[in-house]
Amino acid sequence: MHASGAGARLLACAQDFSPQVEPTDADTVILDIDGLGNLFGTVHEIAHAIARRAGFPVNIAIASNPDAAFHAARGFTGISILPQGDEAKFLASLPLTLLSPAEEIEETLARWGIRTFRDLDALPDLGVAARLGEEGVRLQKLACGESSRRLRPVEAPPRFEETMELEYPVDLLEPLMFVLGRLLGDVCARLEERALAAIELRLCLQLENAGEHARAIRLPVPMRSSRVFLKLLELDLEKHPPAAPIVRVTLAAEPAKPRVTQNGLFIPLAPEPEKLELTLARIAAVVGEGNMGSPELLDTHLPGAFRMRSFGTSRQWAGKSAGPATLAFRVFRQPLAAKVQGSFVSAPGVRGKIVRQAGPWRTSGDWWTLSAWARDEWDVELSDGGLYRIYCDANTGRWFIEGSYD
């Protein structure tokens, strides 16, 4: 099949008829029609069926080998049927440029007056081999319509996705888990066939009210356990239930290469990522997603500002190792409300007179938002021997003890 500027449409049309499809160039595809006679009849009827399915002008050639069909489709308009054994006669009038010879060989043939497939076919075989080499012999065989190569079919990119239309709307979690278990089994089996794992699960639930409920679970490491996936989806749907009964379920997995680990003889075994992910999901269901993870400092001068990030793959600290610490600061969560009268400080569990002090240090930030803050800080040593950091909130005038030095 050949049509200028329609390579994608040709490929889609050919794949409707055969799984064995070779996109030979940008404007031509070759497909294997073996067995289509049982569905469409003679080769002429097969060719007309393909032309009707295409829906646009297309050149179709049917031959006993791929290269003969390729050159006929590029050289003749409409539908061409090449009888087996007469390919050379059928292709004889085609111009030699359809063979796309190398520039040096093309110049040589032009000097010899060779312009068509017939002219090249008429040359003696031994002379072509002696003067043009192996490439010349190959071109002569193509001009004769002789080819023994097999198709090089394009392999469609694998899709790890399953969809199921439900017979009746489902509004309970238990029957939905039964459906998801079946879909996960098929997706994981397909992943295993290709020696792949999943790094992300995407679930799309079509609701009875024409809406959609979409969820995505990003995994810390590639996994391929349908039981783990099912439990993760169950915990996620318990926290984020759909708003209406479900009529269709679509489950997709993003493939990734499975992880390869090498355990050391003297290194303690780490917990399996699958079991650890399930444990973290159960904890998140109890304490909330935003209350579990790894603390990350924010880019702000506000003391103690941080956020919780989801656990991911382990990363090694690439910075320089710090020198030995002389003091450690123990932060109070929450800061202790204090009273400061002259040089005396009192708070729950802390009482004493200020012996030495350093400060104040004024800091402020987020003045452009509703959560603007400003404070004056001091480091003080009390008569009880303790070292503390205290501050005064500039917005409220209240005193707090932020922490102590060990």
Protein backbone atom coordinates (compact mmCIF):
# COMPACT_ATOMS: atom_id res chain seq x y z
CA MET A 1 0.00 0.00 0.00
CA HIS A 2 1.31 3.42 -0.96
CA ALA A 3 -0.06 6.94 -0.55
CA SER A 4 1.96 10.14 -0.32
CA GLY A 5 1.85 11.82 3.09
CA ALA A 6 -0.45 9.20 4.63
CA GLY A 7 1.95 6.86 6.42
CA ALA A 8 0.12 6.88 9.77
CA ARG A 9 -3.29 6.29 8.18
CA LEU A 10 -1.87 3.51 5.99
CA LEU A 11 -0.41 1.80 9.03
CA ALA A 12 -3.70 2.01 10.93
CA CYS A 13 -5.63 0.66 7.94
CA ALA A 14 -3.19 -2.22 7.41
CA GLN A 15 -3.31 -3.22 11.07
CA ASP A 16 -7.10 -3.59 10.75
CA PHE A 17 -6.49 -6.47 8.32
CA SER A 18 -3.31 -8.16 9.55
CA PRO A 19 -1.01 -8.24 12.57
CA GLN A 20 1.96 -8.68 10.21
CA VAL A 21 2.53 -5.11 8.98
CA GLU A 22 5.84 -3.57 7.91
CA PRO A 23 6.10 0.23 7.54
CA THR A 24 8.71 0.13 4.76
CA ASP A 25 9.00 3.91 4.37
CA ALA A 26 7.11 7.06 5.28
CA ASP A 27 4.49 6.55 2.53
CA THR A 28 4.38 2.75 2.09
CA VAL A 29 3.39 -0.23 4.22
CA ILE A 30 3.46 -3.94 3.43
CA LEU A 31 1.09 -6.43 5.06
CA ASP A 32 0.70 -10.18 4.96
CA ILE A 33 -2.74 -11.10 3.50
CA ASP A 34 -2.31 -14.84 3.98
CA GLY A 35 -5.60 -16.20 5.33
CA LEU A 36 -7.74 -13.21 4.37
CA GLY A 37 -9.26 -15.20 1.51
CA ASN A 38 -11.50 -16.99 4.00
CA LEU A 39 -13.01 -13.64 4.97
CA PHE A 40 -13.02 -11.60 1.73
CA GLY A 41 -12.62 -14.05 -1.15
CA THR A 42 -10.20 -13.62 -4.07
CA VAL A 43 -7.13 -11.40 -4.06
CA HIS A 44 -9.06 -8.81 -6.10
CA GLU A 45 -11.81 -8.72 -3.50
CA ILE A 46 -9.19 -8.42 -0.73
CA ALA A 47 -7.58 -5.45 -2.52
CA HIS A 48 -10.93 -3.69 -2.99
CA ALA A 49 -11.83 -4.28 0.68
CA ILE A 50 -8.56 -2.66 1.76
CA ALA A 51 -9.15 0.28 -0.58
CA ARG A 52 -12.67 0.81 0.81
CA ARG A 53 -11.39 0.66 4.38
CA ALA A 54 -8.67 3.22 3.63
CA GLY A 55 -11.25 5.81 2.49
CA PHE A 56 -8.70 7.83 0.47
CA PRO A 57 -6.79 7.29 -2.81
CA VAL A 58 -4.23 4.56 -2.28
CA ASN A 59 -2.10 2.37 -4.54
CA ILE A 60 -2.41 -1.33 -3.71
CA ALA A 61 -0.24 -4.10 -5.14
CA ILE A 62 -0.47 -7.81 -4.33
CA ALA A 63 2.52 -10.04 -5.10
CA SER A 64 4.18 -13.22 -3.92
CA ASN A 65 7.04 -11.38 -2.19
CA PRO A 66 7.26 -8.08 -0.25
CA ASP A 67 9.73 -6.24 -2.53
CA ALA A 68 7.76 -6.86 -5.72
CA ALA A 69 4.60 -5.59 -4.06
CA PHE A 70 6.51 -2.59 -2.69
CA HIS A 71 7.83 -1.46 -6.08
CA ALA A 72 4.53 -2.11 -7.85
CA ALA A 73 2.59 -0.03 -5.30
CA ARG A 74 5.05 2.84 -5.70
CA GLY A 75 5.15 2.62 -9.49
CA PHE A 76 1.54 1.94 -10.52
CA THR A 77 -1.68 3.69 -9.56
CA GLY A 78 -4.79 1.91 -8.36
CA ILE A 79 -4.87 -1.82 -7.74
CA SER A 80 -2.20 -4.11 -9.22
CA ILE A 81 -2.16 -7.92 -9.02
CA LEU A 82 1.19 -9.49 -9.94
CA PRO A 83 0.87 -13.12 -11.08
CA GLN A 84 3.37 -15.41 -9.40
CA GLY A 85 6.27 -16.12 -11.76
CA ASP A 86 5.55 -13.10 -13.98
CA GLU A 87 6.80 -10.39 -11.64
CA ALA A 88 9.65 -9.40 -14.01
CA LYS A 89 7.22 -8.80 -16.90
CA PHE A 90 4.89 -6.77 -14.68
CA LEU A 91 7.66 -4.56 -13.27
CA ALA A 92 9.59 -4.17 -16.53
CA SER A 93 8.41 -0.64 -17.35
CA LEU A 94 9.17 0.89 -13.92
CA PRO A 95 11.95 3.50 -13.75
CA LEU A 96 15.20 2.46 -12.18
CA THR A 97 15.01 5.27 -9.59
CA LEU A 98 12.42 3.24 -7.65
CA LEU A 99 15.24 0.89 -6.60
CA SER A 100 17.03 3.81 -4.88
CA PRO A 101 20.51 2.70 -6.01
CA ALA A 102 23.65 4.23 -4.57
CA GLU A 103 24.83 7.38 -6.35
CA GLU A 104 27.91 5.71 -7.83
CA ILE A 105 25.93 2.75 -9.17
CA GLU A 106 23.22 5.06 -10.52
CA GLU A 107 25.80 7.08 -12.47
CA THR A 108 27.34 3.89 -13.88
CA LEU A 109 23.97 2.53 -15.01
CA ALA A 110 23.10 5.89 -16.55
CA ARG A 111 26.32 5.80 -18.60
CA TRP A 112 25.35 2.33 -19.77
CA GLY A 113 21.92 3.59 -20.84
CA ILE A 114 20.05 1.54 -18.19
CA ARG A 115 16.79 3.39 -17.39
CA THR A 116 14.15 0.78 -16.45
CA PHE A 117 13.76 -2.49 -14.57
CA ARG A 118 13.70 -4.29 -17.96
CA ASP A 119 17.06 -2.84 -18.95
CA LEU A 120 18.71 -3.96 -15.69
CA ASP A 121 17.12 -7.42 -15.92
CA ALA A 122 18.54 -7.85 -19.43
CA LEU A 123 22.16 -7.44 -18.28
CA PRO A 124 24.21 -10.64 -17.85
CA ASP A 125 24.38 -11.80 -14.27
CA LEU A 126 28.12 -12.42 -14.24
CA GLY A 127 28.86 -9.03 -15.76
CA VAL A 128 26.73 -7.23 -13.18
CA ALA A 129 28.48 -9.09 -10.36
CA ALA A 130 31.92 -8.33 -11.77
CA ARG A 131 31.34 -4.61 -12.38
CA LEU A 132 28.78 -3.59 -9.72
CA GLY A 133 29.49 -6.10 -6.98
CA GLU A 134 27.06 -7.53 -4.48
CA GLU A 135 24.88 -4.41 -4.44
CA GLY A 136 24.42 -4.61 -8.19
CA VAL A 137 23.33 -8.25 -7.97
CA ARG A 138 20.80 -7.31 -5.28
CA LEU A 139 19.36 -4.52 -7.43
CA GLN A 140 19.06 -6.84 -10.43
CA LYS A 141 17.12 -9.38 -8.39
CA LEU A 142 14.77 -6.64 -7.21
CA ALA A 143 14.24 -5.57 -10.82
CA CYS A 144 13.33 -9.16 -11.67
CA GLY A 145 10.81 -9.28 -8.84
CA GLU A 146 12.81 -11.99 -7.10
CA SER A 147 13.04 -11.68 -3.33
CA SER A 148 13.20 -14.19 -0.52
CA ARG A 149 13.22 -11.85 2.46
CA ARG A 150 10.61 -12.04 5.18
CA LEU A 151 8.47 -9.22 6.45
CA ARG A 152 9.85 -7.10 9.28
CA PRO A 153 6.57 -6.36 11.07
CA VAL A 154 6.35 -3.40 13.39
CA GLU A 155 5.69 -4.33 16.96
CA ALA A 156 3.05 -2.15 18.56
CA PRO A 157 4.19 -0.65 21.87
CA PRO A 158 2.87 -2.80 24.71
CA ARG A 159 -0.02 -1.36 26.67
CA PHE A 160 -0.40 -2.52 30.22
CA GLU A 161 -4.01 -1.49 30.57
CA GLU A 162 -7.25 -3.34 31.22
CA THR A 163 -10.85 -2.12 31.07
CA MET A 164 -14.03 -3.81 32.25
CA GLU A 165 -17.61 -2.70 31.68
CA LEU A 166 -19.75 -3.66 34.67
CA GLU A 167 -23.13 -5.29 34.19
CA TYR A 168 -24.66 -3.14 36.91
CA PRO A 169 -23.45 -0.13 38.91
CA VAL A 170 -21.22 -1.00 41.87
CA ASP A 171 -21.22 1.19 44.96
CA LEU A 172 -19.53 -1.11 47.49
CA LEU A 173 -15.80 -1.59 47.95
CA GLU A 174 -15.83 -5.39 48.23
CA PRO A 175 -17.23 -6.18 44.74
CA LEU A 176 -15.01 -3.47 43.28
CA MET A 177 -11.95 -5.17 44.81
CA PHE A 178 -12.98 -8.42 43.13
CA VAL A 179 -12.99 -6.65 39.74
CA LEU A 180 -9.67 -4.93 40.44
CA GLY A 181 -8.10 -8.23 41.48
CA ARG A 182 -8.94 -9.73 38.10
CA LEU A 183 -7.63 -6.72 36.18
CA LEU A 184 -4.44 -6.62 38.24
CA GLY A 185 -3.83 -10.29 37.56
CA ASP A 186 -3.97 -9.69 33.79
CA VAL A 187 -1.78 -6.58 33.93
CA CYS A 188 0.85 -8.23 36.16
CA ALA A 189 0.92 -11.33 33.93
CA ARG A 190 1.61 -9.11 30.92
CA LEU A 191 4.36 -7.32 32.81
CA GLU A 192 5.92 -10.64 33.77
CA GLU A 193 5.87 -11.84 30.15
CA ARG A 194 8.09 -8.91 29.22
CA ALA A 195 10.26 -9.06 32.37
CA LEU A 196 9.00 -5.65 33.51
CA ALA A 197 7.56 -4.19 36.69
CA ALA A 198 5.28 -1.23 37.47
CA ILE A 199 6.37 2.10 38.90
CA GLU A 200 2.91 3.69 38.90
CA LEU A 201 -0.70 2.49 38.97
CA ARG A 202 -3.48 4.58 37.42
CA LEU A 203 -7.11 3.82 38.17
CA CYS A 204 -10.01 5.48 36.34
CA LEU A 205 -13.56 4.77 37.49
CA GLN A 206 -16.41 5.79 35.20
CA LEU A 207 -19.30 6.83 37.43
CA GLU A 208 -23.01 6.42 36.86
CA ASN A 209 -23.52 10.20 36.77
CA ALA A 210 -21.15 10.48 33.76
CA GLY A 211 -18.28 11.68 35.96
CA GLU A 212 -14.87 10.09 36.53
CA HIS A 213 -12.95 9.21 39.65
CA ALA A 214 -9.22 8.98 38.88
CA ARG A 215 -6.49 7.92 41.26
CA ALA A 216 -2.75 7.37 40.78
CA ILE A 217 -0.34 5.58 43.10
CA ARG A 218 3.37 6.27 42.56
CA LEU A 219 5.52 3.46 43.89
CA PRO A 220 8.94 4.04 45.49
CA VAL A 221 10.51 1.17 43.55
CA PRO A 222 9.29 -0.97 40.61
CA MET A 223 7.04 -3.79 41.80
CA ARG A 224 5.06 -6.63 40.24
CA SER A 225 2.96 -8.11 43.03
CA SER A 226 -0.78 -8.12 42.32
CA ARG A 227 -1.54 -8.75 46.01
CA VAL A 228 0.41 -5.66 47.08
CA PHE A 229 -1.19 -3.57 44.33
CA LEU A 230 -4.67 -4.69 45.34
CA LYS A 231 -4.12 -3.77 48.99
CA LEU A 232 -2.67 -0.37 48.05
CA LEU A 233 -5.69 0.37 45.87
CA GLU A 234 -8.04 -0.75 48.63
CA LEU A 235 -6.42 1.56 51.19
CA ASP A 236 -6.43 4.44 48.70
CA LEU A 237 -10.12 3.98 47.84
CA GLU A 238 -11.02 3.79 51.51
CA LYS A 239 -9.51 7.26 51.96
CA HIS A 240 -10.83 8.62 48.64
CA PRO A 241 -14.12 6.86 47.83
CA PRO A 242 -15.92 7.64 44.55
CA ALA A 243 -18.92 9.96 44.73
CA ALA A 244 -21.30 7.73 42.76
CA PRO A 245 -21.78 4.08 41.71
CA ILE A 246 -19.24 2.74 39.21
CA VAL A 247 -20.13 1.45 35.74
CA ARG A 248 -16.68 0.97 34.18
CA VAL A 249 -13.18 0.30 35.55
CA THR A 250 -9.91 1.07 33.75
CA LEU A 251 -6.59 0.08 35.29
CA ALA A 252 -3.21 0.97 33.79
CA ALA A 253 0.38 0.40 34.89
CA GLU A 254 3.43 2.43 33.91
CA PRO A 255 6.16 -0.11 33.11
CA ALA A 256 9.72 0.10 34.39
CA LYS A 257 12.69 -2.20 34.63
CA PRO A 258 12.57 -4.30 37.81
CA ARG A 259 15.00 -3.42 40.54
CA VAL A 260 18.16 -5.47 40.94
CA THR A 261 19.61 -5.69 44.44
CA GLN A 262 22.84 -7.17 45.71
CA ASN A 263 22.88 -7.93 49.41
CA GLY A 264 26.16 -7.60 51.30
CA LEU A 265 27.53 -10.24 53.59
CA PHE A 266 27.98 -7.83 56.50
CA ILE A 267 25.07 -5.45 55.86
CA PRO A 268 21.77 -6.06 57.67
CA LEU A 269 18.89 -6.92 55.37
CA ALA A 270 16.52 -4.03 54.72
CA PRO A 271 12.76 -4.64 54.76
CA GLU A 272 11.23 -5.70 51.47
CA PRO A 273 9.93 -2.63 49.58
CA GLU A 274 6.55 -4.28 48.96
CA LYS A 275 5.93 -4.95 52.65
CA LEU A 276 7.30 -1.55 53.64
CA GLU A 277 4.99 0.23 51.18
CA LEU A 278 1.97 -1.62 52.56
CA THR A 279 2.98 -0.72 56.12
CA LEU A 280 3.37 2.95 55.21
CA ALA A 281 0.00 2.94 53.45
CA ARG A 282 -1.68 1.52 56.55
CA ILE A 283 -0.01 4.14 58.76
CA ALA A 284 -1.09 6.91 56.38
CA ALA A 285 -4.67 5.65 56.58
CA VAL A 286 -4.54 6.19 60.36
CA VAL A 287 -2.58 9.42 60.77
CA GLY A 288 -3.35 11.07 57.43
CA GLU A 289 -1.27 11.47 54.28
CA GLY A 290 0.15 14.83 55.29
CA ASN A 291 1.38 13.59 58.67
CA MET A 292 3.73 10.86 57.49
CA GLY A 293 6.93 11.02 55.52
CA SER A 294 10.38 12.52 55.67
CA PRO A 295 10.71 16.11 57.00
CA GLU A 296 12.14 18.61 54.55
CA LEU A 297 13.24 22.11 55.54
CA LEU A 298 11.59 24.96 53.66
CA ASP A 299 13.45 27.80 51.99
CA THR A 300 12.46 30.43 54.54
CA HIS A 301 13.89 32.19 57.61
CA LEU A 302 10.92 31.11 59.72
CA PRO A 303 12.41 28.90 62.46
CA GLY A 304 11.14 25.33 62.45
CA ALA A 305 9.38 25.59 59.06
CA PHE A 306 9.24 22.23 57.29
CA ARG A 307 6.99 19.98 55.27
CA MET A 308 6.53 16.24 55.03
CA ARG A 309 7.63 14.53 51.82
CA SER A 310 6.64 11.04 50.78
CA PHE A 311 9.25 8.38 51.28
CA GLY A 312 11.16 7.51 48.12
CA THR A 313 14.22 5.62 47.12
CA SER A 314 17.22 6.01 49.37
CA ARG A 315 19.70 8.76 48.53
CA GLN A 316 23.17 9.14 49.88
CA TRP A 317 24.21 12.49 51.31
CA ALA A 318 26.73 14.00 48.91
CA GLY A 319 27.73 16.99 51.03
CA LYS A 320 30.79 17.34 53.19
CA SER A 321 30.66 15.78 56.60
CA ALA A 322 30.20 18.28 59.37
CA GLY A 323 32.75 18.68 62.11
CA PRO A 324 32.10 17.59 65.69
CA ALA A 325 29.18 19.48 67.21
CA THR A 326 29.72 21.29 70.50
CA LEU A 327 26.05 22.01 71.24
CA ALA A 328 22.78 20.41 70.27
CA PHE A 329 19.53 22.36 70.19
CA ARG A 330 16.43 20.58 71.48
CA VAL A 331 13.31 22.14 69.95
CA PHE A 332 10.11 22.20 71.99
CA ARG A 333 7.01 21.19 70.05
CA GLN A 334 5.01 23.34 70.77
CA PRO A 335 7.05 26.31 72.10
CA LEU A 336 6.54 26.85 75.83
CA ALA A 337 4.51 29.94 76.70
CA ALA A 338 6.65 32.01 79.08
CA LYS A 339 6.55 35.09 81.25
CA VAL A 340 9.50 37.50 81.25
CA GLN A 341 9.55 40.03 84.08
CA GLY A 342 12.73 42.06 84.15
CA SER A 343 15.49 39.46 84.21
CA PHE A 344 13.33 36.58 85.45
CA VAL A 345 11.92 33.92 83.11
CA SER A 346 9.26 31.41 84.06
CA ALA A 347 7.53 28.70 82.02
CA PRO A 348 6.22 25.18 82.67
CA GLY A 349 9.28 23.30 83.92
CA VAL A 350 11.61 26.30 83.54
CA ARG A 351 12.27 28.98 86.16
CA GLY A 352 15.31 31.13 86.74
CA LYS A 353 17.05 34.47 86.56
CA ILE A 354 18.90 35.47 83.41
CA VAL A 355 22.63 35.30 84.14
CA ARG A 356 23.93 35.93 80.63
CA GLN A 357 22.25 36.77 77.35
CA ALA A 358 22.98 37.25 73.64
CA GLY A 359 20.66 39.11 71.29
CA PRO A 360 18.25 40.27 70.19
CA TRP A 361 18.14 38.92 66.64
CA ARG A 362 15.16 40.19 64.70
CA THR A 363 13.71 38.01 61.93
CA SER A 364 10.53 38.37 59.87
CA GLY A 365 9.00 37.00 56.72
CA ASP A 366 5.92 36.30 54.61
CA TRP A 367 4.87 39.93 55.04
CA TRP A 368 3.09 39.77 51.69
CA THR A 369 0.72 37.02 52.92
CA LEU A 370 -1.91 36.68 55.62
CA SER A 371 0.53 34.55 57.68
CA ALA A 372 3.18 37.27 58.12
CA TRP A 373 5.46 36.76 61.12
CA ALA A 374 8.09 38.73 63.04
CA ARG A 375 10.04 37.89 66.22
CA ASP A 376 12.98 38.96 68.40
CA GLU A 377 15.19 36.13 69.67
CA TRP A 378 17.66 35.82 72.57
CA ASP A 379 19.92 33.05 73.79
CA VAL A 380 19.95 33.14 77.59
CA GLU A 381 21.63 31.30 80.44
CA LEU A 382 19.45 30.99 83.53
CA SER A 383 20.44 30.65 87.14
CA ASP A 384 19.32 27.03 87.13
CA GLY A 385 22.23 26.26 84.76
CA GLY A 386 20.12 25.82 81.61
CA LEU A 387 20.73 27.41 78.21
CA TYR A 388 17.57 28.40 76.33
CA ARG A 389 16.42 30.28 73.30
CA ILE A 390 13.52 32.61 73.99
CA TYR A 391 11.69 34.92 71.65
CA CYS A 392 9.03 37.59 71.66
CA ASP A 393 6.33 37.50 68.99
CA ALA A 394 6.28 41.03 67.54
CA ASN A 395 2.67 40.67 66.40
CA THR A 396 1.20 39.61 69.77
CA GLY A 397 3.87 40.67 72.27
CA ARG A 398 3.85 37.19 73.85
CA TRP A 399 7.02 35.37 75.03
CA PHE A 400 7.95 31.79 74.28
CA ILE A 401 10.79 29.38 74.99
CA GLU A 402 11.64 27.71 71.67
CA GLY A 403 14.10 25.13 72.96
CA SER A 404 17.13 24.32 75.03
CA TYR A 405 20.79 23.68 74.32
CA ASP A 406 22.30 20.38 75.42
